[in-house]
């Protein structure tokens, strides 16, 4: 008998020693764990703040909740239906951007520039918009039709001349300022026709005719 033939039983005995039900079970469990954890690892990687932000800016996704987008220039781009809820947009430029149906609930837009943006049906409920700039410019105005500013902080916000288009007055139909803080906001020259202002807080607020309202001081 050759030496190679003599090695066969020894090899079979070696594999039989290690290929026990227990070792097979452990191997299968390890294989399953790998299948389960790989997608989880990919998911966690894609949802890290930096990756999430980059994917949003490259328009691979339309959701950037709680992202830090402060001090960026996001103007002239289409962000329709985007979810900016709880995001930091402090001093961010959104001029002339398409933001129809976008969600800014509880976002920080302090000092943000929203001039000439399309904000139709956008939701700013509970957002901080203090010192935000909504002014008209270049012959066009910010579109605020059906926009919700419920409970928003709009202290010092600039709404000069809003509510007009090159073709004439459109007002602010169904723009909801319920419980909004409009202290020191500026509506001079604007048309607020159709806006829900009865429950807004007015103090040092410049009205469309240039007078100052201290109704709620």
Protein backbone atom coordinates (compact mmCIF):
# COMPACT_ATOMS: atom_id res chain seq x y z
CA UNK A 1 0.00 0.00 0.00
CA UNK A 2 1.35 3.40 -0.96
CA UNK A 3 1.96 6.13 1.58
CA UNK A 4 -0.75 8.26 -0.05
CA UNK A 5 -3.29 5.47 0.51
CA UNK A 6 -2.26 5.27 4.13
CA UNK A 7 -2.84 9.04 4.52
CA UNK A 8 -6.52 8.82 3.46
CA UNK A 9 -7.88 7.33 6.71
CA UNK A 10 -5.81 9.81 8.69
CA UNK A 11 -7.21 12.77 6.74
CA UNK A 12 -10.75 11.43 7.02
CA UNK A 13 -10.25 11.01 10.74
CA UNK A 14 -8.94 14.57 11.00
CA UNK A 15 -11.95 16.12 9.23
CA UNK A 16 -14.36 13.90 11.12
CA UNK A 17 -12.86 15.17 14.34
CA UNK A 18 -13.58 18.82 13.46
CA UNK A 19 -16.76 18.52 11.38
CA UNK A 20 -18.99 17.80 14.33
CA UNK A 21 -22.63 19.01 14.70
CA UNK A 22 -21.38 21.65 17.11
CA UNK A 23 -18.79 23.03 14.68
CA UNK A 24 -21.34 23.05 11.87
CA UNK A 25 -23.80 24.92 14.08
CA UNK A 26 -21.20 27.53 15.01
CA UNK A 27 -20.21 27.90 11.38
CA UNK A 28 -23.81 28.36 10.28
CA UNK A 29 -24.43 30.90 13.03
CA UNK A 30 -21.35 32.84 11.99
CA UNK A 31 -22.50 32.80 8.36
CA UNK A 32 -25.97 34.04 9.32
CA UNK A 33 -24.48 36.72 11.56
CA UNK A 34 -22.41 37.94 8.65
CA UNK A 35 -25.46 38.14 6.40
CA UNK A 36 -27.38 40.10 9.05
CA UNK A 37 -24.64 42.48 10.17
CA UNK A 38 -23.38 43.49 6.72
CA UNK A 39 -26.60 45.29 5.68
CA UNK A 40 -26.80 46.81 9.16
CA UNK A 41 -23.25 48.11 8.87
CA UNK A 42 -24.04 49.57 5.43
CA UNK A 43 -27.22 51.19 6.80
CA UNK A 44 -25.36 52.74 9.73
CA UNK A 45 -22.62 54.03 7.44
CA UNK A 46 -25.12 55.64 5.05
CA UNK A 47 -26.83 57.34 7.99
CA UNK A 48 -23.82 58.94 9.63
CA UNK A 49 -24.33 62.73 9.73
CA UNK A 50 -21.64 63.54 7.15
CA UNK A 51 -22.69 60.85 4.68
CA UNK A 52 -26.37 61.68 5.12
CA UNK A 53 -25.65 65.36 4.46
CA UNK A 54 -23.53 64.63 1.39
CA UNK A 55 -26.15 62.33 -0.11
CA UNK A 56 -28.77 65.02 0.42
CA UNK A 57 -26.66 67.76 -1.16
CA UNK A 58 -26.02 65.50 -4.15
CA UNK A 59 -29.81 64.90 -4.34
CA UNK A 60 -29.56 61.16 -3.78
CA UNK A 61 -32.13 61.55 -1.01
CA UNK A 62 -34.74 64.17 -0.17
CA UNK A 63 -34.47 63.84 3.62
CA UNK A 64 -31.97 65.59 5.85
CA UNK A 65 -33.59 65.72 9.27
CA UNK A 66 -31.39 67.24 11.98
CA UNK A 67 -28.59 67.89 9.47
CA UNK A 68 -26.15 70.76 9.91
CA UNK A 69 -26.63 72.84 6.75
CA UNK A 70 -25.65 76.14 8.30
CA UNK A 71 -23.83 78.84 6.31
CA UNK A 72 -24.27 77.00 2.99
CA UNK A 73 -25.40 78.43 -0.34
CA UNK A 74 -28.41 76.34 -1.39
CA UNK A 75 -29.91 79.01 -3.62
CA UNK A 76 -31.40 78.49 -7.09
CA UNK A 77 -31.84 74.74 -6.55
CA UNK A 78 -34.90 72.52 -6.43
CA UNK A 79 -35.60 71.31 -2.88
CA UNK A 80 -39.31 70.67 -3.39
CA UNK A 81 -40.82 68.25 -0.83
CA UNK A 82 -37.49 68.06 1.03
CA UNK A 83 -37.49 67.24 4.73
CA UNK A 84 -35.42 69.83 6.63
CA UNK A 85 -37.16 69.22 9.96
CA UNK A 86 -34.97 70.03 12.99
CA UNK A 87 -32.07 70.87 10.65
CA UNK A 88 -29.64 73.71 11.34
CA UNK A 89 -29.95 76.23 8.49
CA UNK A 90 -28.61 79.24 10.35
CA UNK A 91 -27.39 81.92 7.90
CA UNK A 92 -28.02 79.56 4.98
CA UNK A 93 -28.78 81.13 1.60
CA UNK A 94 -31.95 79.72 0.00
CA UNK A 95 -32.67 82.63 -2.31
CA UNK A 96 -34.80 81.81 -5.38
CA UNK A 97 -34.82 78.13 -4.39
CA UNK A 98 -37.79 75.88 -5.11
CA UNK A 99 -39.03 74.85 -1.67
CA UNK A 100 -42.66 74.04 -2.34
CA UNK A 101 -44.11 71.53 0.16
CA UNK A 102 -40.78 71.40 2.02
CA UNK A 103 -40.84 70.59 5.73
CA UNK A 104 -38.90 72.95 8.03
CA UNK A 105 -40.70 72.00 11.25
CA UNK A 106 -38.59 72.94 14.30
CA UNK A 107 -35.64 73.84 12.06
CA UNK A 108 -33.22 76.66 12.88
CA UNK A 109 -33.30 79.24 10.07
CA UNK A 110 -32.02 82.17 12.10
CA UNK A 111 -30.65 84.75 9.67
CA UNK A 112 -31.45 82.58 6.65
CA UNK A 113 -31.95 84.27 3.27
CA UNK A 114 -35.21 83.18 1.61
CA UNK A 115 -35.63 86.05 -0.85
CA UNK A 116 -37.56 85.15 -4.03
CA UNK A 117 -37.89 81.53 -2.92
CA UNK A 118 -40.96 79.47 -3.75
CA UNK A 119 -42.30 78.45 -0.33
CA UNK A 120 -45.83 77.49 -1.38
CA UNK A 121 -47.29 74.94 1.07
CA UNK A 122 -44.03 74.80 3.04
CA UNK A 123 -44.23 73.99 6.74
CA UNK A 124 -42.26 76.14 9.22
CA UNK A 125 -44.22 75.12 12.29
CA UNK A 126 -42.14 75.68 15.42
CA UNK A 127 -39.13 76.85 13.40
CA UNK A 128 -36.73 79.62 14.41
CA UNK A 129 -36.78 82.24 11.64
CA UNK A 130 -35.58 85.23 13.63
CA UNK A 131 -33.87 87.79 11.38
CA UNK A 132 -34.73 85.71 8.29
CA UNK A 133 -34.94 87.64 5.01
CA UNK A 134 -38.07 87.13 2.86
CA UNK A 135 -37.83 90.44 0.95
CA UNK A 136 -38.66 90.87 -2.71
CA UNK A 137 -35.92 91.64 -5.19
CA UNK A 138 -35.14 91.64 -8.88
CA UNK A 139 -38.80 92.07 -9.78
CA UNK A 140 -39.91 88.86 -8.08
CA UNK A 141 -41.19 88.06 -4.60
CA UNK A 142 -41.12 85.13 -2.24
CA UNK A 143 -44.10 82.83 -2.84
CA UNK A 144 -45.71 82.15 0.55
CA UNK A 145 -49.14 80.84 -0.50
CA UNK A 146 -50.50 78.35 2.09
CA UNK A 147 -47.25 78.47 4.07
CA UNK A 148 -47.52 77.56 7.76
CA UNK A 149 -45.61 79.63 10.33
CA UNK A 150 -47.53 78.29 13.33
CA UNK A 151 -45.64 78.84 16.58
CA UNK A 152 -42.59 79.99 14.60
CA UNK A 153 -40.10 82.53 15.89
CA UNK A 154 -40.13 85.29 13.27
CA UNK A 155 -38.73 88.04 15.46
CA UNK A 156 -37.09 90.67 13.30
CA UNK A 157 -37.90 88.81 10.07
CA UNK A 158 -38.06 90.97 6.94
CA UNK A 159 -41.21 90.56 4.81
CA UNK A 160 -40.99 93.88 2.95
CA UNK A 161 -43.07 93.98 -0.24
CA UNK A 162 -44.14 90.32 -0.06
CA UNK A 163 -47.57 89.53 -1.46
CA UNK A 164 -46.96 91.11 -4.83
CA UNK A 165 -45.96 89.75 -8.23
CA UNK A 166 -45.02 91.62 -11.42
CA UNK A 167 -48.66 91.24 -12.46
CA UNK A 168 -50.05 92.74 -9.26
CA UNK A 169 -51.18 92.03 -5.71
CA UNK A 170 -51.73 88.42 -4.62
CA UNK A 171 -51.53 88.85 -0.86
CA UNK A 172 -50.68 86.00 1.50
CA UNK A 173 -53.67 83.66 1.11
CA UNK A 174 -53.91 81.09 3.92
CA UNK A 175 -50.44 81.93 5.25
CA UNK A 176 -50.79 80.88 8.88
CA UNK A 177 -49.07 83.02 11.53
CA UNK A 178 -51.06 81.53 14.44
CA UNK A 179 -49.08 81.97 17.69
CA UNK A 180 -46.06 83.13 15.67
CA UNK A 181 -43.67 85.62 17.27
CA UNK A 182 -43.66 88.64 14.94
CA UNK A 183 -42.04 91.09 17.31
CA UNK A 184 -39.99 93.66 15.38
CA UNK A 185 -40.82 91.95 12.07
CA UNK A 186 -41.10 94.23 9.04
CA UNK A 187 -44.08 94.02 6.66
CA UNK A 188 -43.68 97.51 5.20
CA UNK A 189 -45.06 97.73 1.66
CA UNK A 190 -46.30 94.13 1.82
CA UNK A 191 -49.76 92.79 1.15
CA UNK A 192 -50.93 90.53 3.99
CA UNK A 193 -54.35 89.99 2.45
CA UNK A 194 -55.62 86.52 3.39
CA UNK A 195 -52.97 85.91 6.07
CA UNK A 196 -54.00 84.52 9.47
CA UNK A 197 -52.53 87.13 11.82
CA UNK A 198 -55.16 87.42 14.56
CA UNK A 199 -53.30 85.21 17.03
CA UNK A 200 -49.78 86.29 16.10
CA UNK A 201 -47.70 88.30 18.58
CA UNK A 202 -47.19 91.87 17.36
CA UNK A 203 -44.86 94.18 19.25
CA UNK A 204 -42.69 96.74 17.52
CA UNK A 205 -43.96 95.17 14.30
CA UNK A 206 -43.86 97.39 11.23
CA UNK A 207 -47.13 97.02 9.34
CA UNK A 208 -47.69 97.36 5.56
CA UNK A 209 -48.58 101.05 5.86
CA UNK A 210 -45.36 101.78 7.75
CA UNK A 211 -46.97 102.17 11.18
CA UNK A 212 -45.72 100.27 14.22
CA UNK A 213 -48.05 97.81 15.95
CA UNK A 214 -47.57 97.24 19.67
CA UNK A 215 -50.78 95.26 20.04
CA UNK A 216 -49.25 92.49 22.13
CA UNK A 217 -46.43 94.24 23.97
